[in-house]
Amino acid sequence: MNSYKEMALERKRARVLFLELRAEGFELLAQQGPEDPVGYVVGVEGPACSERLLERIKANKPGLLKILLNRWDPNLEAIQREGAV
């Protein structure tokens, strides 16, 4: 990411995807994966994923990891509590 505009776009795409997946019943997890260059993988639990959905998750991995590791979204805790109810 080189500019604030690019970072904001990455954040927006990841947040939209995160909320979409949660609404469809998927659970997303950040798991340590030593074989991965960034050290983490995005785990997905829930209904069967289409190939297209897996590609979207892969394309948005950096932003999703930031959300899952509580590094971006101050409202994430409230969203997660709401989903658990």
PDB file of N, CA and C in Angstrom:
ATOM      1  N   MET A   1       0.835  -1.179   0.000  1.00  0.00           N
ATOM      2  CA  MET A   1       0.000   0.000   0.000  1.00  0.00           C
ATOM      3  C   MET A   1       0.878   1.240   0.000  1.00  0.00           C
ATOM      4  N   ASN A   2       0.609   2.102  -0.920  1.00  0.00           N
ATOM      5  CA  ASN A   2       1.421   3.300  -1.019  1.00  0.00           C
ATOM      6  C   ASN A   2       0.726   4.552  -0.529  1.00  0.00           C
ATOM      7  N   SER A   3      -0.571   4.598  -0.644  1.00  0.00           N
ATOM      8  CA  SER A   3      -1.250   5.825  -0.286  1.00  0.00           C
ATOM      9  C   SER A   3      -2.397   5.550   0.672  1.00  0.00           C
ATOM     10  N   TYR A   4      -2.818   6.629   1.315  1.00  0.00           N
ATOM     11  CA  TYR A   4      -3.961   6.510   2.223  1.00  0.00           C
ATOM     12  C   TYR A   4      -5.195   6.043   1.467  1.00  0.00           C
ATOM     13  N   LYS A   5      -5.362   6.535   0.244  1.00  0.00           N
ATOM     14  CA  LYS A   5      -6.521   6.163  -0.564  1.00  0.00           C
ATOM     15  C   LYS A   5      -6.546   4.648  -0.808  1.00  0.00           C
ATOM     16  N   GLU A   6      -5.406   4.070  -1.125  1.00  0.00           N
ATOM     17  CA  GLU A   6      -5.319   2.625  -1.344  1.00  0.00           C
ATOM     18  C   GLU A   6      -5.602   1.857  -0.062  1.00  0.00           C
ATOM     19  N   MET A   7      -5.074   2.338   1.060  1.00  0.00           N
ATOM     20  CA  MET A   7      -5.322   1.669   2.346  1.00  0.00           C
ATOM     21  C   MET A   7      -6.800   1.738   2.714  1.00  0.00           C
ATOM     22  N   ALA A   8      -7.434   2.871   2.466  1.00  0.00           N
ATOM     23  CA  ALA A   8      -8.853   3.024   2.777  1.00  0.00           C
ATOM     24  C   ALA A   8      -9.694   2.093   1.909  1.00  0.00           C
ATOM     25  N   LEU A   9      -9.313   1.937   0.650  1.00  0.00           N
ATOM     26  CA  LEU A   9     -10.034   1.044  -0.247  1.00  0.00           C
ATOM     27  C   LEU A   9      -9.873  -0.408   0.199  1.00  0.00           C
ATOM     28  N   GLU A  10      -8.665  -0.790   0.586  1.00  0.00           N
ATOM     29  CA  GLU A  10      -8.430  -2.155   1.083  1.00  0.00           C
ATOM     30  C   GLU A  10      -9.284  -2.402   2.325  1.00  0.00           C
ATOM     31  N   ARG A  11      -9.314  -1.438   3.223  1.00  0.00           N
ATOM     32  CA  ARG A  11     -10.093  -1.572   4.452  1.00  0.00           C
ATOM     33  C   ARG A  11     -11.582  -1.715   4.149  1.00  0.00           C
ATOM     34  N   LYS A  12     -12.080  -0.905   3.231  1.00  0.00           N
ATOM     35  CA  LYS A  12     -13.501  -0.951   2.893  1.00  0.00           C
ATOM     36  C   LYS A  12     -13.868  -2.303   2.286  1.00  0.00           C
ATOM     37  N   ARG A  13     -13.066  -2.779   1.342  1.00  0.00           N
ATOM     38  CA  ARG A  13     -13.345  -4.079   0.708  1.00  0.00           C
ATOM     39  C   ARG A  13     -13.324  -5.212   1.727  1.00  0.00           C
ATOM     40  N   ALA A  14     -12.338  -5.210   2.606  1.00  0.00           N
ATOM     41  CA  ALA A  14     -12.223  -6.271   3.603  1.00  0.00           C
ATOM     42  C   ALA A  14     -13.394  -6.226   4.579  1.00  0.00           C
ATOM     43  N   ARG A  15     -13.790  -5.042   5.008  1.00  0.00           N
ATOM     44  CA  ARG A  15     -14.911  -4.917   5.952  1.00  0.00           C
ATOM     45  C   ARG A  15     -16.216  -5.394   5.324  1.00  0.00           C
ATOM     46  N   VAL A  16     -16.455  -5.007   4.065  1.00  0.00           N
ATOM     47  CA  VAL A  16     -17.670  -5.440   3.365  1.00  0.00           C
ATOM     48  C   VAL A  16     -17.686  -6.960   3.246  1.00  0.00           C
ATOM     49  N   LEU A  17     -16.571  -7.545   2.849  1.00  0.00           N
ATOM     50  CA  LEU A  17     -16.482  -8.995   2.710  1.00  0.00           C
ATOM     51  C   LEU A  17     -16.668  -9.675   4.058  1.00  0.00           C
ATOM     52  N   PHE A  18     -16.036  -9.148   5.103  1.00  0.00           N
ATOM     53  CA  PHE A  18     -16.164  -9.723   6.443  1.00  0.00           C
ATOM     54  C   PHE A  18     -17.633  -9.747   6.868  1.00  0.00           C
ATOM     55  N   LEU A  19     -18.322  -8.624   6.723  1.00  0.00           N
ATOM     56  CA  LEU A  19     -19.729  -8.548   7.131  1.00  0.00           C
ATOM     57  C   LEU A  19     -20.612  -9.444   6.268  1.00  0.00           C
ATOM     58  N   GLU A  20     -20.311  -9.528   4.987  1.00  0.00           N
ATOM     59  CA  GLU A  20     -21.065 -10.403   4.083  1.00  0.00           C
ATOM     60  C   GLU A  20     -20.913 -11.867   4.505  1.00  0.00           C
ATOM     61  N   LEU A  21     -19.683 -12.277   4.790  1.00  0.00           N
ATOM     62  CA  LEU A  21     -19.442 -13.661   5.200  1.00  0.00           C
ATOM     63  C   LEU A  21     -20.125 -13.979   6.523  1.00  0.00           C
ATOM     64  N   ARG A  22     -20.051 -13.059   7.475  1.00  0.00           N
ATOM     65  CA  ARG A  22     -20.717 -13.267   8.772  1.00  0.00           C
ATOM     66  C   ARG A  22     -22.225 -13.397   8.593  1.00  0.00           C
ATOM     67  N   ALA A  23     -22.805 -12.571   7.718  1.00  0.00           N
ATOM     68  CA  ALA A  23     -24.250 -12.610   7.473  1.00  0.00           C
ATOM     69  C   ALA A  23     -24.674 -13.934   6.833  1.00  0.00           C
ATOM     70  N   GLU A  24     -23.773 -14.541   6.068  1.00  0.00           N
ATOM     71  CA  GLU A  24     -24.083 -15.812   5.409  1.00  0.00           C
ATOM     72  C   GLU A  24     -23.760 -17.020   6.286  1.00  0.00           C
ATOM     73  N   GLY A  25     -23.339 -16.774   7.520  1.00  0.00           N
ATOM     74  CA  GLY A  25     -23.115 -17.871   8.454  1.00  0.00           C
ATOM     75  C   GLY A  25     -21.703 -18.412   8.514  1.00  0.00           C
ATOM     76  N   PHE A  26     -20.753 -17.716   7.910  1.00  0.00           N
ATOM     77  CA  PHE A  26     -19.364 -18.155   7.958  1.00  0.00           C
ATOM     78  C   PHE A  26     -18.682 -17.590   9.195  1.00  0.00           C
ATOM     79  N   GLU A  27     -17.763 -18.335   9.733  1.00  0.00           N
ATOM     80  CA  GLU A  27     -16.910 -17.890  10.834  1.00  0.00           C
ATOM     81  C   GLU A  27     -15.501 -17.756  10.266  1.00  0.00           C
ATOM     82  N   LEU A  28     -14.890 -16.615  10.494  1.00  0.00           N
ATOM     83  CA  LEU A  28     -13.534 -16.386  10.007  1.00  0.00           C
ATOM     84  C   LEU A  28     -12.567 -16.383  11.179  1.00  0.00           C
ATOM     85  N   LEU A  29     -11.432 -17.020  10.985  1.00  0.00           N
ATOM     86  CA  LEU A  29     -10.427 -17.119  12.030  1.00  0.00           C
ATOM     87  C   LEU A  29      -9.058 -16.778  11.468  1.00  0.00           C
ATOM     88  N   ALA A  30      -8.260 -16.098  12.252  1.00  0.00           N
ATOM     89  CA  ALA A  30      -6.856 -15.881  11.893  1.00  0.00           C
ATOM     90  C   ALA A  30      -6.068 -16.965  12.611  1.00  0.00           C
ATOM     91  N   GLN A  31      -5.387 -17.786  11.844  1.00  0.00           N
ATOM     92  CA  GLN A  31      -4.633 -18.891  12.421  1.00  0.00           C
ATOM     93  C   GLN A  31      -3.169 -18.740  12.055  1.00  0.00           C
ATOM     94  N   GLN A  32      -2.305 -19.064  12.996  1.00  0.00           N
ATOM     95  CA  GLN A  32      -0.880 -19.009  12.692  1.00  0.00           C
ATOM     96  C   GLN A  32      -0.545 -20.112  11.701  1.00  0.00           C
ATOM     97  N   GLY A  33       0.193 -19.716  10.689  1.00  0.00           N
ATOM     98  CA  GLY A  33       0.599 -20.659   9.657  1.00  0.00           C
ATOM     99  C   GLY A  33       2.051 -20.406   9.303  1.00  0.00           C
ATOM    100  N   PRO A  34       2.978 -21.106   9.926  1.00  0.00           N
ATOM    101  CA  PRO A  34       4.400 -20.844   9.703  1.00  0.00           C
ATOM    102  C   PRO A  34       4.822 -20.998   8.245  1.00  0.00           C
ATOM    103  N   GLU A  35       4.076 -21.760   7.454  1.00  0.00           N
ATOM    104  CA  GLU A  35       4.428 -21.926   6.049  1.00  0.00           C
ATOM    105  C   GLU A  35       4.010 -20.729   5.205  1.00  0.00           C
ATOM    106  N   ASP A  36       3.204 -19.842   5.791  1.00  0.00           N
ATOM    107  CA  ASP A  36       2.740 -18.656   5.070  1.00  0.00           C
ATOM    108  C   ASP A  36       3.702 -17.498   5.290  1.00  0.00           C
ATOM    109  N   PRO A  37       4.010 -16.722   4.262  1.00  0.00           N
ATOM    110  CA  PRO A  37       4.988 -15.628   4.397  1.00  0.00           C
ATOM    111  C   PRO A  37       4.634 -14.591   5.461  1.00  0.00           C
ATOM    112  N   VAL A  38       3.343 -14.325   5.671  1.00  0.00           N
ATOM    113  CA  VAL A  38       2.968 -13.336   6.685  1.00  0.00           C
ATOM    114  C   VAL A  38       2.773 -13.967   8.054  1.00  0.00           C
ATOM    115  N   GLY A  39       2.829 -15.288   8.119  1.00  0.00           N
ATOM    116  CA  GLY A  39       2.723 -15.971   9.400  1.00  0.00           C
ATOM    117  C   GLY A  39       1.311 -16.320   9.821  1.00  0.00           C
ATOM    118  N   TYR A  40       0.318 -15.877   9.071  1.00  0.00           N
ATOM    119  CA  TYR A  40      -1.074 -16.170   9.402  1.00  0.00           C
ATOM    120  C   TYR A  40      -1.840 -16.585   8.157  1.00  0.00           C
ATOM    121  N   VAL A  41      -2.842 -17.404   8.373  1.00  0.00           N
ATOM    122  CA  VAL A  41      -3.773 -17.767   7.311  1.00  0.00           C
ATOM    123  C   VAL A  41      -5.174 -17.405   7.789  1.00  0.00           C
ATOM    124  N   VAL A  42      -6.081 -17.204   6.848  1.00  0.00           N
ATOM    125  CA  VAL A  42      -7.476 -16.939   7.179  1.00  0.00           C
ATOM    126  C   VAL A  42      -8.209 -18.269   7.094  1.00  0.00           C
ATOM    127  N   GLY A  43      -8.753 -18.704   8.225  1.00  0.00           N
ATOM    128  CA  GLY A  43      -9.540 -19.928   8.261  1.00  0.00           C
ATOM    129  C   GLY A  43     -11.010 -19.588   8.108  1.00  0.00           C
ATOM    130  N   VAL A  44     -11.737 -20.438   7.373  1.00  0.00           N
ATOM    131  CA  VAL A  44     -13.162 -20.212   7.133  1.00  0.00           C
ATOM    132  C   VAL A  44     -13.919 -21.454   7.567  1.00  0.00           C
ATOM    133  N   GLU A  45     -14.916 -21.255   8.432  1.00  0.00           N
ATOM    134  CA  GLU A  45     -15.769 -22.353   8.860  1.00  0.00           C
ATOM    135  C   GLU A  45     -17.202 -21.983   8.531  1.00  0.00           C
ATOM    136  N   GLY A  46     -17.983 -22.969   8.113  1.00  0.00           N
ATOM    137  CA  GLY A  46     -19.380 -22.710   7.808  1.00  0.00           C
ATOM    138  C   GLY A  46     -19.825 -23.501   6.604  1.00  0.00           C
ATOM    139  N   PRO A  47     -20.869 -22.990   5.934  1.00  0.00           N
ATOM    140  CA  PRO A  47     -21.379 -23.694   4.751  1.00  0.00           C
ATOM    141  C   PRO A  47     -20.287 -23.843   3.692  1.00  0.00           C
ATOM    142  N   ALA A  48     -20.538 -24.707   2.735  1.00  0.00           N
ATOM    143  CA  ALA A  48     -19.555 -24.928   1.665  1.00  0.00           C
ATOM    144  C   ALA A  48     -19.257 -23.624   0.927  1.00  0.00           C
ATOM    145  N   CYS A  49     -17.988 -23.387   0.665  1.00  0.00           N
ATOM    146  CA  CYS A  49     -17.548 -22.176  -0.032  1.00  0.00           C
ATOM    147  C   CYS A  49     -17.410 -22.454  -1.525  1.00  0.00           C
ATOM    148  N   SER A  50     -17.841 -21.515  -2.314  1.00  0.00           N
ATOM    149  CA  SER A  50     -17.623 -21.621  -3.754  1.00  0.00           C
ATOM    150  C   SER A  50     -16.182 -21.222  -4.055  1.00  0.00           C
ATOM    151  N   GLU A  51     -15.716 -21.609  -5.225  1.00  0.00           N
ATOM    152  CA  GLU A  51     -14.355 -21.244  -5.643  1.00  0.00           C
ATOM    153  C   GLU A  51     -14.216 -19.731  -5.740  1.00  0.00           C
ATOM    154  N   ARG A  52     -15.257 -19.071  -6.213  1.00  0.00           N
ATOM    155  CA  ARG A  52     -15.250 -17.599  -6.339  1.00  0.00           C
ATOM    156  C   ARG A  52     -15.107 -16.938  -4.972  1.00  0.00           C
ATOM    157  N   LEU A  53     -15.822 -17.462  -3.989  1.00  0.00           N
ATOM    158  CA  LEU A  53     -15.749 -16.896  -2.642  1.00  0.00           C
ATOM    159  C   LEU A  53     -14.353 -17.103  -2.047  1.00  0.00           C
ATOM    160  N   LEU A  54     -13.772 -18.259  -2.257  1.00  0.00           N
ATOM    161  CA  LEU A  54     -12.418 -18.510  -1.768  1.00  0.00           C
ATOM    162  C   LEU A  54     -11.408 -17.564  -2.415  1.00  0.00           C
ATOM    163  N   GLU A  55     -11.605 -17.274  -3.693  1.00  0.00           N
ATOM    164  CA  GLU A  55     -10.720 -16.331  -4.385  1.00  0.00           C
ATOM    165  C   GLU A  55     -10.857 -14.922  -3.804  1.00  0.00           C
ATOM    166  N   ARG A  56     -12.083 -14.520  -3.474  1.00  0.00           N
ATOM    167  CA  ARG A  56     -12.297 -13.199  -2.862  1.00  0.00           C
ATOM    168  C   ARG A  56     -11.631 -13.124  -1.497  1.00  0.00           C
ATOM    169  N   ILE A  57     -11.730 -14.197  -0.728  1.00  0.00           N
ATOM    170  CA  ILE A  57     -11.089 -14.237   0.600  1.00  0.00           C
ATOM    171  C   ILE A  57      -9.578 -14.121   0.429  1.00  0.00           C
ATOM    172  N   LYS A  58      -9.036 -14.881  -0.521  1.00  0.00           N
ATOM    173  CA  LYS A  58      -7.595 -14.848  -0.783  1.00  0.00           C
ATOM    174  C   LYS A  58      -7.139 -13.446  -1.208  1.00  0.00           C
ATOM    175  N   ALA A  59      -7.922 -12.810  -2.076  1.00  0.00           N
ATOM    176  CA  ALA A  59      -7.569 -11.477  -2.576  1.00  0.00           C
ATOM    177  C   ALA A  59      -7.630 -10.420  -1.475  1.00  0.00           C
ATOM    178  N   ASN A  60      -8.466 -10.644  -0.475  1.00  0.00           N
ATOM    179  CA  ASN A  60      -8.645  -9.672   0.609  1.00  0.00           C
ATOM    180  C   ASN A  60      -7.979 -10.112   1.907  1.00  0.00           C
ATOM    181  N   LYS A  61      -7.078 -11.083   1.824  1.00  0.00           N
ATOM    182  CA  LYS A  61      -6.443 -11.639   3.012  1.00  0.00           C
ATOM    183  C   LYS A  61      -5.770 -10.593   3.902  1.00  0.00           C
ATOM    184  N   PRO A  62      -4.975  -9.676   3.375  1.00  0.00           N
ATOM    185  CA  PRO A  62      -4.320  -8.700   4.263  1.00  0.00           C
ATOM    186  C   PRO A  62      -5.323  -7.883   5.075  1.00  0.00           C
ATOM    187  N   GLY A  63      -6.372  -7.422   4.430  1.00  0.00           N
ATOM    188  CA  GLY A  63      -7.379  -6.635   5.137  1.00  0.00           C
ATOM    189  C   GLY A  63      -8.165  -7.466   6.126  1.00  0.00           C
ATOM    190  N   LEU A  64      -8.526  -8.698   5.742  1.00  0.00           N
ATOM    191  CA  LEU A  64      -9.259  -9.573   6.656  1.00  0.00           C
ATOM    192  C   LEU A  64      -8.415  -9.898   7.888  1.00  0.00           C
ATOM    193  N   LEU A  65      -7.123 -10.135   7.687  1.00  0.00           N
ATOM    194  CA  LEU A  65      -6.255 -10.417   8.838  1.00  0.00           C
ATOM    195  C   LEU A  65      -6.200  -9.229   9.788  1.00  0.00           C
ATOM    196  N   LYS A  66      -6.147  -8.033   9.241  1.00  0.00           N
ATOM    197  CA  LYS A  66      -6.122  -6.846  10.100  1.00  0.00           C
ATOM    198  C   LYS A  66      -7.403  -6.744  10.909  1.00  0.00           C
ATOM    199  N   ILE A  67      -8.528  -7.062  10.297  1.00  0.00           N
ATOM    200  CA  ILE A  67      -9.801  -7.042  11.020  1.00  0.00           C
ATOM    201  C   ILE A  67      -9.801  -8.133  12.089  1.00  0.00           C
ATOM    202  N   LEU A  68      -9.440  -9.347  11.701  1.00  0.00           N
ATOM    203  CA  LEU A  68      -9.483 -10.487  12.624  1.00  0.00           C
ATOM    204  C   LEU A  68      -8.507 -10.347  13.783  1.00  0.00           C
ATOM    205  N   LEU A  69      -7.410  -9.672  13.548  1.00  0.00           N
ATOM    206  CA  LEU A  69      -6.418  -9.489  14.610  1.00  0.00           C
ATOM    207  C   LEU A  69      -6.664  -8.183  15.371  1.00  0.00           C
ATOM    208  N   ASN A  70      -7.857  -7.624  15.198  1.00  0.00           N
ATOM    209  CA  ASN A  70      -8.275  -6.402  15.899  1.00  0.00           C
ATOM    210  C   ASN A  70      -7.332  -5.231  15.667  1.00  0.00           C
ATOM    211  N   ARG A  71      -6.836  -5.094  14.466  1.00  0.00           N
ATOM    212  CA  ARG A  71      -5.908  -4.000  14.178  1.00  0.00           C
ATOM    213  C   ARG A  71      -6.546  -2.896  13.362  1.00  0.00           C
ATOM    214  N   TRP A  72      -7.813  -3.063  13.000  1.00  0.00           N
ATOM    215  CA  TRP A  72      -8.419  -2.065  12.146  1.00  0.00           C
ATOM    216  C   TRP A  72      -9.727  -1.537  12.660  1.00  0.00           C
ATOM    217  N   ASP A  73     -10.627  -2.404  13.004  1.00  0.00           N
ATOM    218  CA  ASP A  73     -12.007  -2.011  13.206  1.00  0.00           C
ATOM    219  C   ASP A  73     -12.365  -1.907  14.686  1.00  0.00           C
ATOM    220  N   PRO A  74     -12.551  -0.702  15.213  1.00  0.00           N
ATOM    221  CA  PRO A  74     -12.893  -0.559  16.622  1.00  0.00           C
ATOM    222  C   PRO A  74     -14.273  -1.128  16.945  1.00  0.00           C
ATOM    223  N   ASN A  75     -15.103  -1.329  15.948  1.00  0.00           N
ATOM    224  CA  ASN A  75     -16.442  -1.879  16.184  1.00  0.00           C
ATOM    225  C   ASN A  75     -16.484  -3.394  16.063  1.00  0.00           C
ATOM    226  N   LEU A  76     -15.353  -4.031  15.800  1.00  0.00           N
ATOM    227  CA  LEU A  76     -15.333  -5.464  15.558  1.00  0.00           C
ATOM    228  C   LEU A  76     -15.869  -6.251  16.742  1.00  0.00           C
ATOM    229  N   GLU A  77     -15.493  -5.873  17.942  1.00  0.00           N
ATOM    230  CA  GLU A  77     -15.960  -6.596  19.131  1.00  0.00           C
ATOM    231  C   GLU A  77     -17.486  -6.584  19.203  1.00  0.00           C
ATOM    232  N   ALA A  78     -18.099  -5.450  18.949  1.00  0.00           N
ATOM    233  CA  ALA A  78     -19.560  -5.348  18.967  1.00  0.00           C
ATOM    234  C   ALA A  78     -20.181  -6.207  17.862  1.00  0.00           C
ATOM    235  N   ILE A  79     -19.554  -6.199  16.687  1.00  0.00           N
ATOM    236  CA  ILE A  79     -20.059  -7.019  15.572  1.00  0.00           C
ATOM    237  C   ILE A  79     -19.981  -8.495  15.941  1.00  0.00           C
ATOM    238  N   GLN A  80     -18.869  -8.918  16.549  1.00  0.00           N
ATOM    239  CA  GLN A  80     -18.716 -10.317  16.918  1.00  0.00           C
ATOM    240  C   GLN A  80     -19.715 -10.717  18.001  1.00  0.00           C
ATOM    241  N   ARG A  81     -19.935  -9.837  18.988  1.00  0.00           N
ATOM    242  CA  ARG A  81     -20.919 -10.142  20.039  1.00  0.00           C
ATOM    243  C   ARG A  81     -22.311 -10.273  19.433  1.00  0.00           C
ATOM    244  N   GLU A  82     -22.649  -9.400  18.507  1.00  0.00           N
ATOM    245  CA  GLU A  82     -23.953  -9.432  17.856  1.00  0.00           C
ATOM    246  C   GLU A  82     -24.141 -10.741  17.102  1.00  0.00           C
ATOM    247  N   GLY A  83     -23.089 -11.211  16.439  1.00  0.00           N
ATOM    248  CA  GLY A  83     -23.161 -12.459  15.689  1.00  0.00           C
ATOM    249  C   GLY A  83     -23.267 -13.676  16.582  1.00  0.00           C
ATOM    250  N   ALA A  84     -22.780 -13.578  17.809  1.00  0.00           N
ATOM    251  CA  ALA A  84     -22.798 -14.708  18.736  1.00  0.00           C
ATOM    252  C   ALA A  84     -24.154 -14.881  19.392  1.00  0.00           C
ATOM    253  N   VAL A  85     -24.972 -13.862  19.353  1.00  0.00           N
ATOM    254  CA  VAL A  85     -26.292 -13.921  20.020  1.00  0.00           C
ATOM    255  C   VAL A  85     -27.250 -14.732  19.233  1.00  0.00           C
TER     256      VAL A  85
END
